[in-house]
Amino acid sequence: MVERFNGRISEVLATHRFASGQDLSTTLERYVLLYNQHLPQLALQHRTPIQAMKDWQKQRPDLFKKRVCNRSGLDTYALSTGFVSDSKSR
């Protein structure tokens, strides 16, 4: 899974020009959320990584200290915080 993530993030980094370190940081954080919660993976039987973790937690709750839960989606986050990225203009 790490190799797949690294391959995909390298594509993002190669095709975008970042205005600042903060812009890069924001883009990376948003991509991690997108990858973990919204992109199903063939290696996980077409589930997202967060769905696979939830299933694993149900099977082996003794391995987890905290409950695995979804974070709010990217659009919900942007609306609730007032943050709007200009990534659509690129």
PDB file of N, CA and C in Angstrom:
ATOM      1  N   MET A   1       0.816  -1.193   0.000  1.00  0.00           N
ATOM      2  CA  MET A   1       0.000   0.000   0.000  1.00  0.00           C
ATOM      3  C   MET A   1       0.863   1.262   0.000  1.00  0.00           C
ATOM      4  N   VAL A   2       1.963   1.227   0.707  1.00  0.00           N
ATOM      5  CA  VAL A   2       2.824   2.409   0.772  1.00  0.00           C
ATOM      6  C   VAL A   2       3.394   2.726  -0.603  1.00  0.00           C
ATOM      7  N   GLU A   3       3.784   1.691  -1.347  1.00  0.00           N
ATOM      8  CA  GLU A   3       4.340   1.915  -2.674  1.00  0.00           C
ATOM      9  C   GLU A   3       3.310   2.569  -3.587  1.00  0.00           C
ATOM     10  N   ARG A   4       2.057   2.140  -3.494  1.00  0.00           N
ATOM     11  CA  ARG A   4       0.990   2.714  -4.313  1.00  0.00           C
ATOM     12  C   ARG A   4       0.777   4.180  -3.953  1.00  0.00           C
ATOM     13  N   PHE A   5       0.744   4.478  -2.655  1.00  0.00           N
ATOM     14  CA  PHE A   5       0.581   5.860  -2.216  1.00  0.00           C
ATOM     15  C   PHE A   5       1.741   6.720  -2.713  1.00  0.00           C
ATOM     16  N   ASN A   6       2.968   6.223  -2.549  1.00  0.00           N
ATOM     17  CA  ASN A   6       4.134   6.985  -2.988  1.00  0.00           C
ATOM     18  C   ASN A   6       4.106   7.250  -4.490  1.00  0.00           C
ATOM     19  N   GLY A   7       3.686   6.275  -5.257  1.00  0.00           N
ATOM     20  CA  GLY A   7       3.584   6.465  -6.709  1.00  0.00           C
ATOM     21  C   GLY A   7       2.562   7.514  -7.071  1.00  0.00           C
ATOM     22  N   ARG A   8       1.429   7.489  -6.414  1.00  0.00           N
ATOM     23  CA  ARG A   8       0.380   8.455  -6.713  1.00  0.00           C
ATOM     24  C   ARG A   8       0.746   9.864  -6.242  1.00  0.00           C
ATOM     25  N   ILE A   9       1.341   9.976  -5.072  1.00  0.00           N
ATOM     26  CA  ILE A   9       1.691  11.306  -4.577  1.00  0.00           C
ATOM     27  C   ILE A   9       2.819  11.897  -5.414  1.00  0.00           C
ATOM     28  N   SER A  10       3.705  11.066  -5.929  1.00  0.00           N
ATOM     29  CA  SER A  10       4.775  11.595  -6.781  1.00  0.00           C
ATOM     30  C   SER A  10       4.203  12.200  -8.061  1.00  0.00           C
ATOM     31  N   GLU A  11       3.102  11.630  -8.574  1.00  0.00           N
ATOM     32  CA  GLU A  11       2.428  12.219  -9.738  1.00  0.00           C
ATOM     33  C   GLU A  11       1.880  13.596  -9.402  1.00  0.00           C
ATOM     34  N   VAL A  12       1.271  13.721  -8.238  1.00  0.00           N
ATOM     35  CA  VAL A  12       0.728  15.012  -7.806  1.00  0.00           C
ATOM     36  C   VAL A  12       1.853  16.033  -7.689  1.00  0.00           C
ATOM     37  N   LEU A  13       2.939  15.635  -7.061  1.00  0.00           N
ATOM     38  CA  LEU A  13       4.061  16.557  -6.859  1.00  0.00           C
ATOM     39  C   LEU A  13       4.720  16.957  -8.174  1.00  0.00           C
ATOM     40  N   ALA A  14       4.748  16.043  -9.132  1.00  0.00           N
ATOM     41  CA  ALA A  14       5.383  16.333 -10.418  1.00  0.00           C
ATOM     42  C   ALA A  14       4.527  17.222 -11.316  1.00  0.00           C
ATOM     43  N   THR A  15       3.236  17.261 -11.082  1.00  0.00           N
ATOM     44  CA  THR A  15       2.348  18.006 -11.983  1.00  0.00           C
ATOM     45  C   THR A  15       1.834  19.313 -11.402  1.00  0.00           C
ATOM     46  N   HIS A  16       2.250  19.665 -10.201  1.00  0.00           N
ATOM     47  CA  HIS A  16       1.778  20.902  -9.575  1.00  0.00           C
ATOM     48  C   HIS A  16       2.943  21.812  -9.214  1.00  0.00           C
ATOM     49  N   ARG A  17       2.706  23.083  -9.324  1.00  0.00           N
ATOM     50  CA  ARG A  17       3.668  24.085  -8.859  1.00  0.00           C
ATOM     51  C   ARG A  17       3.086  24.698  -7.598  1.00  0.00           C
ATOM     52  N   PHE A  18       3.846  24.695  -6.543  1.00  0.00           N
ATOM     53  CA  PHE A  18       3.361  25.173  -5.259  1.00  0.00           C
ATOM     54  C   PHE A  18       3.874  26.577  -4.993  1.00  0.00           C
ATOM     55  N   ALA A  19       2.978  27.436  -4.522  1.00  0.00           N
ATOM     56  CA  ALA A  19       3.320  28.829  -4.267  1.00  0.00           C
ATOM     57  C   ALA A  19       4.144  28.997  -2.999  1.00  0.00           C
ATOM     58  N   SER A  20       4.013  28.065  -2.065  1.00  0.00           N
ATOM     59  CA  SER A  20       4.711  28.188  -0.787  1.00  0.00           C
ATOM     60  C   SER A  20       4.791  26.822  -0.113  1.00  0.00           C
ATOM     61  N   GLY A  21       5.525  26.775   0.978  1.00  0.00           N
ATOM     62  CA  GLY A  21       5.580  25.558   1.777  1.00  0.00           C
ATOM     63  C   GLY A  21       4.219  25.222   2.358  1.00  0.00           C
ATOM     64  N   GLN A  22       3.472  26.250   2.733  1.00  0.00           N
ATOM     65  CA  GLN A  22       2.118  26.044   3.262  1.00  0.00           C
ATOM     66  C   GLN A  22       1.206  25.439   2.196  1.00  0.00           C
ATOM     67  N   ASP A  23       1.331  25.897   0.961  1.00  0.00           N
ATOM     68  CA  ASP A  23       0.542  25.351  -0.138  1.00  0.00           C
ATOM     69  C   ASP A  23       0.870  23.869  -0.337  1.00  0.00           C
ATOM     70  N   LEU A  24       2.146  23.526  -0.290  1.00  0.00           N
ATOM     71  CA  LEU A  24       2.564  22.129  -0.402  1.00  0.00           C
ATOM     72  C   LEU A  24       2.005  21.304   0.751  1.00  0.00           C
ATOM     73  N   SER A  25       2.115  21.821   1.965  1.00  0.00           N
ATOM     74  CA  SER A  25       1.628  21.122   3.147  1.00  0.00           C
ATOM     75  C   SER A  25       0.124  20.870   3.064  1.00  0.00           C
ATOM     76  N   THR A  26      -0.614  21.876   2.670  1.00  0.00           N
ATOM     77  CA  THR A  26      -2.075  21.747   2.538  1.00  0.00           C
ATOM     78  C   THR A  26      -2.435  20.710   1.482  1.00  0.00           C
ATOM     79  N   THR A  27      -1.739  20.740   0.361  1.00  0.00           N
ATOM     80  CA  THR A  27      -1.998  19.773  -0.710  1.00  0.00           C
ATOM     81  C   THR A  27      -1.717  18.350  -0.241  1.00  0.00           C
ATOM     82  N   LEU A  28      -0.615  18.144   0.466  1.00  0.00           N
ATOM     83  CA  LEU A  28      -0.279  16.807   0.963  1.00  0.00           C
ATOM     84  C   LEU A  28      -1.314  16.316   1.970  1.00  0.00           C
ATOM     85  N   GLU A  29      -1.740  17.178   2.884  1.00  0.00           N
ATOM     86  CA  GLU A  29      -2.743  16.789   3.881  1.00  0.00           C
ATOM     87  C   GLU A  29      -4.059  16.415   3.206  1.00  0.00           C
ATOM     88  N   ARG A  30      -4.471  17.202   2.223  1.00  0.00           N
ATOM     89  CA  ARG A  30      -5.720  16.905   1.521  1.00  0.00           C
ATOM     90  C   ARG A  30      -5.617  15.594   0.741  1.00  0.00           C
ATOM     91  N   TYR A  31      -4.449  15.324   0.140  1.00  0.00           N
ATOM     92  CA  TYR A  31      -4.293  14.095  -0.614  1.00  0.00           C
ATOM     93  C   TYR A  31      -4.308  12.875   0.297  1.00  0.00           C
ATOM     94  N   VAL A  32      -3.687  12.980   1.464  1.00  0.00           N
ATOM     95  CA  VAL A  32      -3.710  11.863   2.420  1.00  0.00           C
ATOM     96  C   VAL A  32      -5.148  11.547   2.813  1.00  0.00           C
ATOM     97  N   LEU A  33      -5.955  12.570   3.091  1.00  0.00           N
ATOM     98  CA  LEU A  33      -7.368  12.341   3.416  1.00  0.00           C
ATOM     99  C   LEU A  33      -8.106  11.697   2.246  1.00  0.00           C
ATOM    100  N   LEU A  34      -7.876  12.208   1.051  1.00  0.00           N
ATOM    101  CA  LEU A  34      -8.523  11.653  -0.137  1.00  0.00           C
ATOM    102  C   LEU A  34      -8.133  10.192  -0.323  1.00  0.00           C
ATOM    103  N   TYR A  35      -6.857   9.895  -0.237  1.00  0.00           N
ATOM    104  CA  TYR A  35      -6.361   8.538  -0.460  1.00  0.00           C
ATOM    105  C   TYR A  35      -6.908   7.566   0.580  1.00  0.00           C
ATOM    106  N   ASN A  36      -6.852   7.953   1.851  1.00  0.00           N
ATOM    107  CA  ASN A  36      -7.248   7.040   2.916  1.00  0.00           C
ATOM    108  C   ASN A  36      -8.752   6.832   3.027  1.00  0.00           C
ATOM    109  N   GLN A  37      -9.538   7.819   2.643  1.00  0.00           N
ATOM    110  CA  GLN A  37     -10.966   7.743   2.910  1.00  0.00           C
ATOM    111  C   GLN A  37     -11.861   7.669   1.678  1.00  0.00           C
ATOM    112  N   HIS A  38     -11.318   7.971   0.501  1.00  0.00           N
ATOM    113  CA  HIS A  38     -12.208   8.047  -0.654  1.00  0.00           C
ATOM    114  C   HIS A  38     -11.779   7.221  -1.859  1.00  0.00           C
ATOM    115  N   LEU A  39     -10.553   6.712  -1.891  1.00  0.00           N
ATOM    116  CA  LEU A  39     -10.082   5.962  -3.055  1.00  0.00           C
ATOM    117  C   LEU A  39     -10.000   4.472  -2.743  1.00  0.00           C
ATOM    118  N   PRO A  40     -10.947   3.676  -3.246  1.00  0.00           N
ATOM    119  CA  PRO A  40     -10.905   2.226  -3.020  1.00  0.00           C
ATOM    120  C   PRO A  40      -9.644   1.625  -3.651  1.00  0.00           C
ATOM    121  N   GLN A  41      -9.103   0.615  -2.996  1.00  0.00           N
ATOM    122  CA  GLN A  41      -7.871  -0.021  -3.446  1.00  0.00           C
ATOM    123  C   GLN A  41      -8.137  -1.479  -3.792  1.00  0.00           C
ATOM    124  N   LEU A  42      -7.647  -1.895  -4.931  1.00  0.00           N
ATOM    125  CA  LEU A  42      -7.809  -3.279  -5.371  1.00  0.00           C
ATOM    126  C   LEU A  42      -7.218  -4.247  -4.343  1.00  0.00           C
ATOM    127  N   ALA A  43      -6.064  -3.918  -3.792  1.00  0.00           N
ATOM    128  CA  ALA A  43      -5.401  -4.795  -2.812  1.00  0.00           C
ATOM    129  C   ALA A  43      -6.226  -4.957  -1.537  1.00  0.00           C
ATOM    130  N   LEU A  44      -7.180  -4.071  -1.309  1.00  0.00           N
ATOM    131  CA  LEU A  44      -8.043  -4.130  -0.122  1.00  0.00           C
ATOM    132  C   LEU A  44      -9.469  -4.565  -0.497  1.00  0.00           C
ATOM    133  N   GLN A  45      -9.587  -5.323  -1.578  1.00  0.00           N
ATOM    134  CA  GLN A  45     -10.877  -5.804  -2.070  1.00  0.00           C
ATOM    135  C   GLN A  45     -11.839  -4.637  -2.343  1.00  0.00           C
ATOM    136  N   HIS A  46     -11.317  -3.631  -3.011  1.00  0.00           N
ATOM    137  CA  HIS A  46     -12.092  -2.452  -3.432  1.00  0.00           C
ATOM    138  C   HIS A  46     -12.669  -1.671  -2.253  1.00  0.00           C
ATOM    139  N   ARG A  47     -11.937  -1.674  -1.152  1.00  0.00           N
ATOM    140  CA  ARG A  47     -12.307  -0.854   0.002  1.00  0.00           C
ATOM    141  C   ARG A  47     -11.269   0.247   0.140  1.00  0.00           C
ATOM    142  N   THR A  48     -11.639   1.302   0.840  1.00  0.00           N
ATOM    143  CA  THR A  48     -10.665   2.344   1.144  1.00  0.00           C
ATOM    144  C   THR A  48      -9.808   1.874   2.311  1.00  0.00           C
ATOM    145  N   PRO A  49      -8.630   2.452   2.491  1.00  0.00           N
ATOM    146  CA  PRO A  49      -7.810   2.063   3.648  1.00  0.00           C
ATOM    147  C   PRO A  49      -8.542   2.232   4.981  1.00  0.00           C
ATOM    148  N   ILE A  50      -9.337   3.267   5.135  1.00  0.00           N
ATOM    149  CA  ILE A  50     -10.048   3.464   6.404  1.00  0.00           C
ATOM    150  C   ILE A  50     -11.113   2.371   6.600  1.00  0.00           C
ATOM    151  N   GLN A  51     -11.776   1.960   5.530  1.00  0.00           N
ATOM    152  CA  GLN A  51     -12.751   0.871   5.644  1.00  0.00           C
ATOM    153  C   GLN A  51     -12.061  -0.432   6.035  1.00  0.00           C
ATOM    154  N   ALA A  52     -10.896  -0.681   5.450  1.00  0.00           N
ATOM    155  CA  ALA A  52     -10.142  -1.893   5.789  1.00  0.00           C
ATOM    156  C   ALA A  52      -9.706  -1.866   7.252  1.00  0.00           C
ATOM    157  N   MET A  53      -9.289  -0.700   7.739  1.00  0.00           N
ATOM    158  CA  MET A  53      -8.887  -0.582   9.151  1.00  0.00           C
ATOM    159  C   MET A  53     -10.076  -0.823  10.075  1.00  0.00           C
ATOM    160  N   LYS A  54     -11.243  -0.316   9.719  1.00  0.00           N
ATOM    161  CA  LYS A  54     -12.431  -0.539  10.546  1.00  0.00           C
ATOM    162  C   LYS A  54     -12.763  -2.023  10.617  1.00  0.00           C
ATOM    163  N   ASP A  55     -12.682  -2.692   9.487  1.00  0.00           N
ATOM    164  CA  ASP A  55     -12.956  -4.135   9.472  1.00  0.00           C
ATOM    165  C   ASP A  55     -11.933  -4.889  10.318  1.00  0.00           C
ATOM    166  N   TRP A  56     -10.677  -4.504  10.214  1.00  0.00           N
ATOM    167  CA  TRP A  56      -9.627  -5.142  11.001  1.00  0.00           C
ATOM    168  C   TRP A  56      -9.852  -4.886  12.486  1.00  0.00           C
ATOM    169  N   GLN A  57     -10.294  -3.689  12.836  1.00  0.00           N
ATOM    170  CA  GLN A  57     -10.548  -3.382  14.239  1.00  0.00           C
ATOM    171  C   GLN A  57     -11.698  -4.232  14.787  1.00  0.00           C
ATOM    172  N   LYS A  58     -12.707  -4.499  13.961  1.00  0.00           N
ATOM    173  CA  LYS A  58     -13.809  -5.362  14.400  1.00  0.00           C
ATOM    174  C   LYS A  58     -13.312  -6.778  14.679  1.00  0.00           C
ATOM    175  N   GLN A  59     -12.377  -7.257  13.860  1.00  0.00           N
ATOM    176  CA  GLN A  59     -11.851  -8.610  14.013  1.00  0.00           C
ATOM    177  C   GLN A  59     -10.840  -8.727  15.155  1.00  0.00           C
ATOM    178  N   ARG A  60     -10.043  -7.670  15.365  1.00  0.00           N
ATOM    179  CA  ARG A  60      -8.983  -7.706  16.380  1.00  0.00           C
ATOM    180  C   ARG A  60      -8.970  -6.427  17.212  1.00  0.00           C
ATOM    181  N   PRO A  61     -10.006  -6.180  17.990  1.00  0.00           N
ATOM    182  CA  PRO A  61     -10.067  -4.928  18.767  1.00  0.00           C
ATOM    183  C   PRO A  61      -8.934  -4.797  19.786  1.00  0.00           C
ATOM    184  N   ASP A  62      -8.343  -5.903  20.180  1.00  0.00           N
ATOM    185  CA  ASP A  62      -7.245  -5.858  21.148  1.00  0.00           C
ATOM    186  C   ASP A  62      -5.991  -5.181  20.602  1.00  0.00           C
ATOM    187  N   LEU A  63      -5.882  -5.026  19.288  1.00  0.00           N
ATOM    188  CA  LEU A  63      -4.717  -4.396  18.679  1.00  0.00           C
ATOM    189  C   LEU A  63      -4.817  -2.873  18.601  1.00  0.00           C
ATOM    190  N   PHE A  64      -5.979  -2.326  18.925  1.00  0.00           N
ATOM    191  CA  PHE A  64      -6.217  -0.896  18.746  1.00  0.00           C
ATOM    192  C   PHE A  64      -6.406  -0.191  20.085  1.00  0.00           C
ATOM    193  N   LYS A  65      -5.791   0.965  20.226  1.00  0.00           N
ATOM    194  CA  LYS A  65      -5.972   1.776  21.423  1.00  0.00           C
ATOM    195  C   LYS A  65      -7.118   2.762  21.251  1.00  0.00           C
ATOM    196  N   LYS A  66      -7.361   3.193  20.008  1.00  0.00           N
ATOM    197  CA  LYS A  66      -8.413   4.162  19.718  1.00  0.00           C
ATOM    198  C   LYS A  66      -9.355   3.597  18.660  1.00  0.00           C
ATOM    199  N   ARG A  67     -10.580   4.089  18.660  1.00  0.00           N
ATOM    200  CA  ARG A  67     -11.558   3.664  17.662  1.00  0.00           C
ATOM    201  C   ARG A  67     -11.222   4.302  16.317  1.00  0.00           C
ATOM    202  N   VAL A  68     -11.216   3.510  15.261  1.00  0.00           N
ATOM    203  CA  VAL A  68     -10.981   4.017  13.912  1.00  0.00           C
ATOM    204  C   VAL A  68     -12.262   4.691  13.445  1.00  0.00           C
ATOM    205  N   CYS A  69     -12.142   5.909  12.958  1.00  0.00           N
ATOM    206  CA  CYS A  69     -13.334   6.620  12.480  1.00  0.00           C
ATOM    207  C   CYS A  69     -12.990   7.478  11.281  1.00  0.00           C
ATOM    208  N   ASN A  70     -14.006   7.745  10.493  1.00  0.00           N
ATOM    209  CA  ASN A  70     -13.849   8.622   9.340  1.00  0.00           C
ATOM    210  C   ASN A  70     -13.694  10.054   9.813  1.00  0.00           C
ATOM    211  N   ARG A  71     -12.940  10.813   9.059  1.00  0.00           N
ATOM    212  CA  ARG A  71     -12.885  12.250   9.280  1.00  0.00           C
ATOM    213  C   ARG A  71     -13.834  12.874   8.282  1.00  0.00           C
ATOM    214  N   SER A  72     -14.215  14.091   8.533  1.00  0.00           N
ATOM    215  CA  SER A  72     -15.133  14.742   7.609  1.00  0.00           C
ATOM    216  C   SER A  72     -14.493  14.838   6.232  1.00  0.00           C
ATOM    217  N   GLY A  73     -15.305  14.785   5.200  1.00  0.00           N
ATOM    218  CA  GLY A  73     -14.809  14.829   3.836  1.00  0.00           C
ATOM    219  C   GLY A  73     -14.195  16.168   3.493  1.00  0.00           C
ATOM    220  N   LEU A  74     -13.510  16.222   2.373  1.00  0.00           N
ATOM    221  CA  LEU A  74     -12.798  17.425   1.982  1.00  0.00           C
ATOM    222  C   LEU A  74     -13.734  18.608   1.776  1.00  0.00           C
ATOM    223  N   ASP A  75     -14.858  18.401   1.125  1.00  0.00           N
ATOM    224  CA  ASP A  75     -15.788  19.495   0.913  1.00  0.00           C
ATOM    225  C   ASP A  75     -16.400  19.954   2.225  1.00  0.00           C
ATOM    226  N   THR A  76     -16.748  19.007   3.098  1.00  0.00           N
ATOM    227  CA  THR A  76     -17.312  19.354   4.393  1.00  0.00           C
ATOM    228  C   THR A  76     -16.310  20.150   5.206  1.00  0.00           C
ATOM    229  N   TYR A  77     -15.047  19.739   5.179  1.00  0.00           N
ATOM    230  CA  TYR A  77     -13.998  20.436   5.909  1.00  0.00           C
ATOM    231  C   TYR A  77     -13.859  21.869   5.388  1.00  0.00           C
ATOM    232  N   ALA A  78     -13.819  22.013   4.079  1.00  0.00           N
ATOM    233  CA  ALA A  78     -13.642  23.338   3.492  1.00  0.00           C
ATOM    234  C   ALA A  78     -14.801  24.254   3.862  1.00  0.00           C
ATOM    235  N   LEU A  79     -16.008  23.729   3.857  1.00  0.00           N
ATOM    236  CA  LEU A  79     -17.165  24.542   4.183  1.00  0.00           C
ATOM    237  C   LEU A  79     -17.209  24.900   5.665  1.00  0.00           C
ATOM    238  N   SER A  80     -16.846  23.948   6.525  1.00  0.00           N
ATOM    239  CA  SER A  80     -16.948  24.196   7.964  1.00  0.00           C
ATOM    240  C   SER A  80     -15.870  25.133   8.479  1.00  0.00           C
ATOM    241  N   THR A  81     -14.724  25.184   7.809  1.00  0.00           N
ATOM    242  CA  THR A  81     -13.634  26.033   8.282  1.00  0.00           C
ATOM    243  C   THR A  81     -13.517  27.327   7.504  1.00  0.00           C
ATOM    244  N   GLY A  82     -14.204  27.402   6.380  1.00  0.00           N
ATOM    245  CA  GLY A  82     -14.075  28.575   5.536  1.00  0.00           C
ATOM    246  C   GLY A  82     -12.853  28.505   4.636  1.00  0.00           C
ATOM    247  N   PHE A  83     -12.097  27.397   4.706  1.00  0.00           N
ATOM    248  CA  PHE A  83     -10.914  27.244   3.872  1.00  0.00           C
ATOM    249  C   PHE A  83     -11.336  26.824   2.475  1.00  0.00           C
ATOM    250  N   VAL A  84     -10.887  27.562   1.493  1.00  0.00           N
ATOM    251  CA  VAL A  84     -11.157  27.196   0.107  1.00  0.00           C
ATOM    252  C   VAL A  84      -9.836  27.265  -0.633  1.00  0.00           C
ATOM    253  N   SER A  85      -9.438  26.150  -1.209  1.00  0.00           N
ATOM    254  CA  SER A  85      -8.174  26.088  -1.949  1.00  0.00           C
ATOM    255  C   SER A  85      -8.379  26.574  -3.363  1.00  0.00           C
ATOM    256  N   ASP A  86      -7.338  27.134  -3.945  1.00  0.00           N
ATOM    257  CA  ASP A  86      -7.415  27.570  -5.324  1.00  0.00           C
ATOM    258  C   ASP A  86      -6.915  26.485  -6.262  1.00  0.00           C
ATOM    259  N   SER A  87      -6.897  25.233  -5.822  1.00  0.00           N
ATOM    260  CA  SER A  87      -6.368  24.134  -6.627  1.00  0.00           C
ATOM    261  C   SER A  87      -7.175  23.905  -7.897  1.00  0.00           C
ATOM    262  N   LYS A  88      -8.443  24.315  -7.932  1.00  0.00           N
ATOM    263  CA  LYS A  88      -9.250  24.127  -9.127  1.00  0.00           C
ATOM    264  C   LYS A  88      -8.788  25.031 -10.262  1.00  0.00           C
ATOM    265  N   SER A  89      -8.105  26.124  -9.915  1.00  0.00           N
ATOM    266  CA  SER A  89      -7.679  27.053 -10.932  1.00  0.00           C
ATOM    267  C   SER A  89      -6.382  26.615 -11.608  1.00  0.00           C
ATOM    268  N   ARG A  90      -5.788  25.529 -11.143  1.00  0.00           N
ATOM    269  CA  ARG A  90      -4.513  25.068 -11.723  1.00  0.00           C
ATOM    270  C   ARG A  90      -4.737  24.186 -12.909  1.00  0.00           C
TER     271      ARG A  90
END
